[in-house]
């Protein structure tokens, strides 16, 4: 399975696009006091979030996708950060 993570910045935040086999799912992000946060839906909202974005392929795969996003963002932009995946965000502490 091939995937990419694209990071776009506009001011103090932007969009992160997780693209898998030509299909995309986007998340907003912004700088925080000690790093950056990527906003993600809670586990109980994940499937509804995916359905509302024509991403049925991502239903039931929250953990897998968020781990990939976190690893790739860290590799591309925040190599020295500590990463935490919580209920509603991925936090990168610098």
C-alpha atoms as a PDB file:
ATOM      1  CA  UNK A   1       0.000   0.000   0.000  1.00  0.00           C
ATOM      2  CA  UNK A   2       1.482   3.327  -1.004  1.00  0.00           C
ATOM      3  CA  UNK A   3       0.793   6.606   0.733  1.00  0.00           C
ATOM      4  CA  UNK A   4       2.158  10.114   1.004  1.00  0.00           C
ATOM      5  CA  UNK A   5       1.709  12.943   3.475  1.00  0.00           C
ATOM      6  CA  UNK A   6       1.619  16.480   2.099  1.00  0.00           C
ATOM      7  CA  UNK A   7       2.042  19.455   4.418  1.00  0.00           C
ATOM      8  CA  UNK A   8       0.775  22.889   3.420  1.00  0.00           C
ATOM      9  CA  UNK A   9       1.366  26.013   5.503  1.00  0.00           C
ATOM     10  CA  UNK A  10      -0.590  29.246   5.488  1.00  0.00           C
ATOM     11  CA  UNK A  11       0.353  31.627   8.294  1.00  0.00           C
ATOM     12  CA  UNK A  12       0.374  29.921  11.708  1.00  0.00           C
ATOM     13  CA  UNK A  13      -1.150  26.699  10.436  1.00  0.00           C
ATOM     14  CA  UNK A  14      -2.316  24.847   7.386  1.00  0.00           C
ATOM     15  CA  UNK A  15      -3.451  21.490   6.093  1.00  0.00           C
ATOM     16  CA  UNK A  16      -1.995  18.009   6.139  1.00  0.00           C
ATOM     17  CA  UNK A  17      -3.186  15.655   3.419  1.00  0.00           C
ATOM     18  CA  UNK A  18      -2.840  11.912   3.838  1.00  0.00           C
ATOM     19  CA  UNK A  19      -3.004  10.406   0.335  1.00  0.00           C
ATOM     20  CA  UNK A  20      -3.368   6.669  -0.179  1.00  0.00           C
ATOM     21  CA  UNK A  21      -3.791   5.062  -3.588  1.00  0.00           C
ATOM     22  CA  UNK A  22      -4.971   8.370  -5.052  1.00  0.00           C
ATOM     23  CA  UNK A  23      -7.549   9.034  -2.308  1.00  0.00           C
ATOM     24  CA  UNK A  24      -7.009  11.839   0.224  1.00  0.00           C
ATOM     25  CA  UNK A  25      -8.011  12.736   3.762  1.00  0.00           C
ATOM     26  CA  UNK A  26      -7.126  16.172   5.156  1.00  0.00           C
ATOM     27  CA  UNK A  27      -6.470  17.483   8.658  1.00  0.00           C
ATOM     28  CA  UNK A  28      -5.912  21.034   9.887  1.00  0.00           C
ATOM     29  CA  UNK A  29      -2.843  21.934  11.919  1.00  0.00           C
ATOM     30  CA  UNK A  30      -1.476  24.978  13.713  1.00  0.00           C
ATOM     31  CA  UNK A  31       1.548  26.014  15.716  1.00  0.00           C
ATOM     32  CA  UNK A  32       1.169  25.720  19.513  1.00  0.00           C
ATOM     33  CA  UNK A  33       3.096  27.292  22.388  1.00  0.00           C
ATOM     34  CA  UNK A  34       5.540  24.378  22.513  1.00  0.00           C
ATOM     35  CA  UNK A  35       5.252  22.884  19.045  1.00  0.00           C
ATOM     36  CA  UNK A  36       2.434  22.105  16.643  1.00  0.00           C
ATOM     37  CA  UNK A  37      -0.951  20.362  16.773  1.00  0.00           C
ATOM     38  CA  UNK A  38      -2.770  18.408  14.067  1.00  0.00           C
ATOM     39  CA  UNK A  39      -6.494  18.330  14.760  1.00  0.00           C
ATOM     40  CA  UNK A  40      -8.110  14.908  14.306  1.00  0.00           C
ATOM     41  CA  UNK A  41     -11.548  13.503  15.120  1.00  0.00           C
ATOM     42  CA  UNK A  42     -12.009  11.409  18.236  1.00  0.00           C
ATOM     43  CA  UNK A  43     -12.251   7.652  17.740  1.00  0.00           C
ATOM     44  CA  UNK A  44     -16.039   7.634  18.070  1.00  0.00           C
ATOM     45  CA  UNK A  45     -16.314  10.342  15.369  1.00  0.00           C
ATOM     46  CA  UNK A  46     -13.763   8.884  12.953  1.00  0.00           C
ATOM     47  CA  UNK A  47     -16.072   6.893  10.661  1.00  0.00           C
ATOM     48  CA  UNK A  48     -18.535   9.798  10.370  1.00  0.00           C
ATOM     49  CA  UNK A  49     -15.630  12.162   9.635  1.00  0.00           C
ATOM     50  CA  UNK A  50     -14.415   9.835   6.874  1.00  0.00           C
ATOM     51  CA  UNK A  51     -17.882   9.374   5.373  1.00  0.00           C
ATOM     52  CA  UNK A  52     -18.417  13.140   5.278  1.00  0.00           C
ATOM     53  CA  UNK A  53     -15.216  13.547   3.256  1.00  0.00           C
ATOM     54  CA  UNK A  54     -15.814  10.759   0.725  1.00  0.00           C
ATOM     55  CA  UNK A  55     -13.127   8.683   2.431  1.00  0.00           C
ATOM     56  CA  UNK A  56     -15.003   5.462   3.141  1.00  0.00           C
ATOM     57  CA  UNK A  57     -11.734   3.637   2.488  1.00  0.00           C
ATOM     58  CA  UNK A  58     -10.382   5.112   5.764  1.00  0.00           C
ATOM     59  CA  UNK A  59     -13.215   3.927   8.019  1.00  0.00           C
ATOM     60  CA  UNK A  60     -12.018   1.757  10.895  1.00  0.00           C
ATOM     61  CA  UNK A  61      -8.377   2.683  10.236  1.00  0.00           C
ATOM     62  CA  UNK A  62      -7.887   5.693  12.545  1.00  0.00           C
ATOM     63  CA  UNK A  63      -4.921   4.349  14.483  1.00  0.00           C
ATOM     64  CA  UNK A  64      -3.047   3.175  11.397  1.00  0.00           C
ATOM     65  CA  UNK A  65      -3.576   6.425   9.486  1.00  0.00           C
ATOM     66  CA  UNK A  66      -2.774   8.717  12.420  1.00  0.00           C
ATOM     67  CA  UNK A  67       0.427   6.797  13.184  1.00  0.00           C
ATOM     68  CA  UNK A  68       1.490   7.180   9.553  1.00  0.00           C
ATOM     69  CA  UNK A  69       0.659  10.904   9.549  1.00  0.00           C
ATOM     70  CA  UNK A  70       2.558  11.443  12.805  1.00  0.00           C
ATOM     71  CA  UNK A  71       5.635   9.561  11.602  1.00  0.00           C
ATOM     72  CA  UNK A  72       5.747  11.303   8.246  1.00  0.00           C
ATOM     73  CA  UNK A  73       5.204  14.816   9.623  1.00  0.00           C
ATOM     74  CA  UNK A  74       7.947  14.177  12.163  1.00  0.00           C
ATOM     75  CA  UNK A  75      10.281  12.970   9.412  1.00  0.00           C
ATOM     76  CA  UNK A  76       9.542  15.914   7.109  1.00  0.00           C
ATOM     77  CA  UNK A  77       9.281  18.834   9.545  1.00  0.00           C
ATOM     78  CA  UNK A  78       9.947  17.956  13.182  1.00  0.00           C
ATOM     79  CA  UNK A  79      12.719  15.363  13.472  1.00  0.00           C
ATOM     80  CA  UNK A  80      13.655  16.369  17.020  1.00  0.00           C
ATOM     81  CA  UNK A  81      10.090  16.513  18.326  1.00  0.00           C
ATOM     82  CA  UNK A  82       8.300  14.280  20.787  1.00  0.00           C
ATOM     83  CA  UNK A  83       5.030  13.038  19.276  1.00  0.00           C
ATOM     84  CA  UNK A  84       1.836  12.304  21.188  1.00  0.00           C
ATOM     85  CA  UNK A  85      -1.417  11.065  19.637  1.00  0.00           C
ATOM     86  CA  UNK A  86      -4.402  11.961  21.824  1.00  0.00           C
ATOM     87  CA  UNK A  87      -8.178  11.843  21.405  1.00  0.00           C
ATOM     88  CA  UNK A  88      -8.450  14.971  19.257  1.00  0.00           C
ATOM     89  CA  UNK A  89      -4.946  15.865  18.087  1.00  0.00           C
ATOM     90  CA  UNK A  90      -1.452  14.785  17.230  1.00  0.00           C
ATOM     91  CA  UNK A  91       0.955  16.971  19.203  1.00  0.00           C
ATOM     92  CA  UNK A  92       4.558  17.649  18.193  1.00  0.00           C
ATOM     93  CA  UNK A  93       6.549  19.115  21.105  1.00  0.00           C
ATOM     94  CA  UNK A  94       9.784  20.878  20.179  1.00  0.00           C
END
